[in-house]
Amino acid sequence: IVAGPQVFQGYWRQPEATAAAFILCDGKRFLRSGDLGYIDEDGYYVLVDRLKRMINASGFKIWPAEIEALLHAHPAVALACVVAIPDARRGETAKAIIVRKLGAEAGAGDIKTWLGGRLAAYKVPTHYAFVDELPRLASGKVDWRRVQDAERHAAAEVKGQTT
């Protein structure tokens, strides 16, 4: 945590949200942004993911950005987004939504096997979907929140149909 200029004083008329957003450290008030990262050997800050994206599978922490970085190295993957989906046994599990490169034919089994040689078993997504495109933000980044919301909505619909 590094002290610096004040980002903002709090949320308008939301004292609970304001209290949750800040932490006191050595008598100084800091904003908890939810960004996760580290300081590298040269003193640079490296952001690696967002706390809100963490997937909790049977108590194990899965970071989507780690899996996405590996997926982007796969020869058949043009773009990928990893999100949490409900799992009856694990609580949550990872699902990879993938845009294949033009002409690529790798399937879920191929990609799962490839990831299995590069990740701990609990981190390998248990579900895969292949799409033509992923939603993007104006910045060009994949809109993971939209993908996550769509998966939650689909899971809620399935749950509603079975009860």
Foldseek 3Di string as FASTA:
>chain_A
DDDDDDPDQADPPCVVRRVVQWDADPNDIDGDPQWDFDQDPVRDTDTQAGNVQWWQFQNDTAGFSVVQVVQCVDQFFPGKGWGWAQDPRGRIFIEIETETDPPDDDDPVNVLVVVVVVDPNRHRGPHYHYDNDADADPVRHGPNVVVHVVRHVVNVVVVVVVD
